[in-house]
N, C-alpha and C. Protein backbone atom coordinates (compact mmCIF):
# COMPACT_ATOMS: atom_id res chain seq x y z
N MET A 1 -17.74 -7.88 3.01
CA MET A 1 -16.71 -8.85 2.69
C MET A 1 -15.93 -9.16 3.96
N ALA A 2 -15.67 -10.41 4.21
CA ALA A 2 -14.97 -10.84 5.41
C ALA A 2 -13.46 -10.65 5.27
N CYS A 3 -12.79 -10.48 6.40
CA CYS A 3 -11.34 -10.35 6.43
C CYS A 3 -10.70 -11.62 5.87
N ARG A 4 -9.68 -11.44 5.03
CA ARG A 4 -9.02 -12.60 4.42
C ARG A 4 -8.15 -13.36 5.42
N SER A 5 -7.84 -12.75 6.55
CA SER A 5 -6.99 -13.40 7.54
C SER A 5 -7.79 -14.13 8.62
N CYS A 6 -8.76 -13.42 9.23
CA CYS A 6 -9.48 -14.02 10.36
C CYS A 6 -10.97 -14.22 10.12
N ARG A 7 -11.47 -13.80 8.97
CA ARG A 7 -12.87 -13.95 8.57
C ARG A 7 -13.82 -13.01 9.32
N SER A 8 -13.30 -12.03 10.04
CA SER A 8 -14.14 -11.08 10.75
C SER A 8 -14.84 -10.14 9.77
N GLU A 9 -16.01 -9.68 10.15
CA GLU A 9 -16.73 -8.67 9.37
C GLU A 9 -16.47 -7.27 9.92
N ASN A 10 -15.71 -7.17 11.00
CA ASN A 10 -15.45 -5.91 11.68
C ASN A 10 -14.29 -5.17 10.99
N GLN A 11 -14.60 -4.49 9.88
CA GLN A 11 -13.60 -3.81 9.09
C GLN A 11 -13.99 -2.35 8.88
N SER A 12 -12.98 -1.54 8.59
CA SER A 12 -13.23 -0.13 8.34
C SER A 12 -12.39 0.33 7.16
N GLU A 13 -12.95 1.25 6.36
CA GLU A 13 -12.20 1.82 5.24
C GLU A 13 -11.63 3.16 5.70
N LEU A 14 -10.32 3.32 5.53
CA LEU A 14 -9.61 4.52 5.94
C LEU A 14 -8.75 5.01 4.79
N VAL A 15 -8.27 6.24 4.88
CA VAL A 15 -7.33 6.74 3.88
C VAL A 15 -5.94 6.81 4.51
N ALA A 16 -4.91 6.71 3.67
CA ALA A 16 -3.54 6.70 4.18
C ALA A 16 -2.62 7.48 3.26
N GLU A 17 -1.47 7.77 3.79
CA GLU A 17 -0.39 8.39 3.04
C GLU A 17 0.79 7.43 3.19
N ILE A 18 1.23 6.83 2.08
CA ILE A 18 2.30 5.83 2.13
C ILE A 18 3.45 6.27 1.24
N ASN A 19 4.64 6.23 1.78
CA ASN A 19 5.86 6.59 1.06
C ASN A 19 6.61 5.29 0.77
N ILE A 20 6.62 4.84 -0.48
CA ILE A 20 7.22 3.56 -0.84
C ILE A 20 8.66 3.79 -1.31
N HIS A 21 9.58 3.10 -0.65
CA HIS A 21 11.00 3.21 -0.98
C HIS A 21 11.45 1.97 -1.73
N PHE A 22 12.38 2.15 -2.66
CA PHE A 22 12.96 1.01 -3.35
C PHE A 22 13.97 0.35 -2.41
N PRO A 23 14.09 -0.97 -2.43
CA PRO A 23 14.93 -1.67 -1.46
C PRO A 23 16.43 -1.59 -1.75
N GLY A 24 17.19 -1.86 -0.71
CA GLY A 24 18.64 -2.00 -0.83
C GLY A 24 19.37 -0.68 -1.01
N TRP A 25 20.68 -0.80 -1.12
CA TRP A 25 21.53 0.37 -1.31
C TRP A 25 21.22 1.10 -2.61
N ARG A 26 20.88 0.36 -3.65
CA ARG A 26 20.56 1.00 -4.93
C ARG A 26 19.29 1.83 -4.84
N GLY A 27 18.40 1.46 -3.96
CA GLY A 27 17.16 2.19 -3.77
C GLY A 27 17.36 3.57 -3.16
N LEU A 28 18.50 3.76 -2.51
CA LEU A 28 18.77 5.06 -1.90
C LEU A 28 18.93 6.16 -2.94
N ASP A 29 19.32 5.80 -4.15
CA ASP A 29 19.51 6.78 -5.22
C ASP A 29 18.21 7.10 -5.97
N LYS A 30 17.15 6.37 -5.66
CA LYS A 30 15.88 6.57 -6.37
C LYS A 30 14.90 7.30 -5.46
N PRO A 31 14.15 8.25 -6.02
CA PRO A 31 13.13 8.92 -5.19
C PRO A 31 12.02 7.94 -4.79
N ALA A 32 11.47 8.19 -3.63
CA ALA A 32 10.35 7.37 -3.16
C ALA A 32 9.09 7.70 -3.94
N VAL A 33 8.11 6.80 -3.88
CA VAL A 33 6.83 6.98 -4.56
C VAL A 33 5.77 7.20 -3.48
N MET A 34 5.11 8.36 -3.53
CA MET A 34 4.04 8.67 -2.58
C MET A 34 2.70 8.21 -3.15
N VAL A 35 1.93 7.50 -2.33
CA VAL A 35 0.59 7.08 -2.73
C VAL A 35 -0.39 7.41 -1.60
N TYR A 36 -1.64 7.59 -1.95
CA TYR A 36 -2.69 7.95 -0.98
C TYR A 36 -3.86 6.99 -1.15
N PRO A 37 -3.65 5.70 -0.81
CA PRO A 37 -4.71 4.72 -1.05
C PRO A 37 -5.77 4.70 0.04
N LYS A 38 -6.90 4.10 -0.30
CA LYS A 38 -7.91 3.77 0.69
C LYS A 38 -7.53 2.40 1.25
N LEU A 39 -7.50 2.29 2.57
CA LEU A 39 -7.16 1.02 3.23
C LEU A 39 -8.44 0.36 3.74
N VAL A 40 -8.46 -0.96 3.69
CA VAL A 40 -9.51 -1.72 4.36
C VAL A 40 -8.80 -2.44 5.50
N VAL A 41 -9.12 -2.03 6.75
CA VAL A 41 -8.44 -2.53 7.94
C VAL A 41 -9.39 -3.40 8.75
N CYS A 42 -8.93 -4.60 9.08
CA CYS A 42 -9.69 -5.46 9.98
C CYS A 42 -9.44 -4.95 11.40
N LEU A 43 -10.51 -4.58 12.08
CA LEU A 43 -10.39 -4.02 13.42
C LEU A 43 -10.25 -5.11 14.49
N ASP A 44 -10.23 -6.38 14.08
CA ASP A 44 -10.02 -7.48 15.03
C ASP A 44 -8.58 -7.99 14.99
N CYS A 45 -8.03 -8.22 13.79
CA CYS A 45 -6.68 -8.80 13.70
C CYS A 45 -5.64 -7.84 13.13
N GLY A 46 -6.09 -6.73 12.51
CA GLY A 46 -5.15 -5.75 11.96
C GLY A 46 -4.76 -5.96 10.52
N PHE A 47 -5.22 -7.05 9.91
CA PHE A 47 -4.90 -7.29 8.50
C PHE A 47 -5.41 -6.11 7.68
N THR A 48 -4.55 -5.61 6.79
CA THR A 48 -4.89 -4.43 5.99
C THR A 48 -4.61 -4.69 4.53
N GLN A 49 -5.49 -4.22 3.67
CA GLN A 49 -5.25 -4.36 2.23
C GLN A 49 -5.58 -3.05 1.52
N PHE A 50 -4.87 -2.83 0.39
CA PHE A 50 -5.11 -1.64 -0.41
C PHE A 50 -4.64 -1.91 -1.82
N MET A 51 -5.10 -1.06 -2.74
CA MET A 51 -4.68 -1.15 -4.14
C MET A 51 -3.96 0.14 -4.50
N LEU A 52 -2.93 0.01 -5.33
CA LEU A 52 -2.20 1.18 -5.81
C LEU A 52 -2.82 1.68 -7.10
N PRO A 53 -2.88 3.00 -7.28
CA PRO A 53 -3.34 3.54 -8.56
C PRO A 53 -2.42 3.08 -9.69
N GLU A 54 -2.96 2.98 -10.88
CA GLU A 54 -2.23 2.44 -12.03
C GLU A 54 -0.93 3.20 -12.32
N THR A 55 -0.95 4.51 -12.22
CA THR A 55 0.27 5.28 -12.55
C THR A 55 1.40 4.97 -11.57
N GLU A 56 1.09 4.90 -10.27
CA GLU A 56 2.11 4.57 -9.28
C GLU A 56 2.57 3.13 -9.43
N LEU A 57 1.66 2.24 -9.77
CA LEU A 57 2.01 0.84 -9.98
C LEU A 57 2.99 0.70 -11.14
N ARG A 58 2.75 1.43 -12.23
CA ARG A 58 3.69 1.40 -13.37
C ARG A 58 5.06 1.95 -12.97
N THR A 59 5.05 3.02 -12.19
CA THR A 59 6.31 3.62 -11.73
C THR A 59 7.11 2.60 -10.92
N LEU A 60 6.45 1.90 -10.02
CA LEU A 60 7.14 0.89 -9.22
C LEU A 60 7.64 -0.26 -10.09
N GLY A 61 6.85 -0.64 -11.09
CA GLY A 61 7.24 -1.72 -11.99
C GLY A 61 8.47 -1.39 -12.80
N LYS A 62 8.62 -0.13 -13.14
CA LYS A 62 9.81 0.31 -13.90
C LYS A 62 11.01 0.49 -12.97
N GLY A 63 10.76 0.65 -11.68
CA GLY A 63 11.84 0.84 -10.73
C GLY A 63 12.40 2.25 -10.72
N VAL A 64 11.64 3.19 -11.28
CA VAL A 64 12.08 4.58 -11.33
C VAL A 64 10.92 5.47 -10.92
N ALA A 65 11.12 6.27 -9.90
CA ALA A 65 10.06 7.18 -9.47
C ALA A 65 10.05 8.42 -10.35
N ALA A 66 8.86 8.92 -10.61
CA ALA A 66 8.72 10.11 -11.46
C ALA A 66 9.09 11.36 -10.69
């Protein structure tokens, strides 16, 4: 699959550790949500995409970390 930004085929799948914080001052009172997604990184332009697991996605949608 080609990069959605530059159309390059030079991509790599990597794993990551991402700590998602809720925005603003109100977000400071909420715990962050840790996710460990697989990233698809374009090695030419740096465009990166990933999907969140359903449980973490629901947590973010509710605005409350478990």
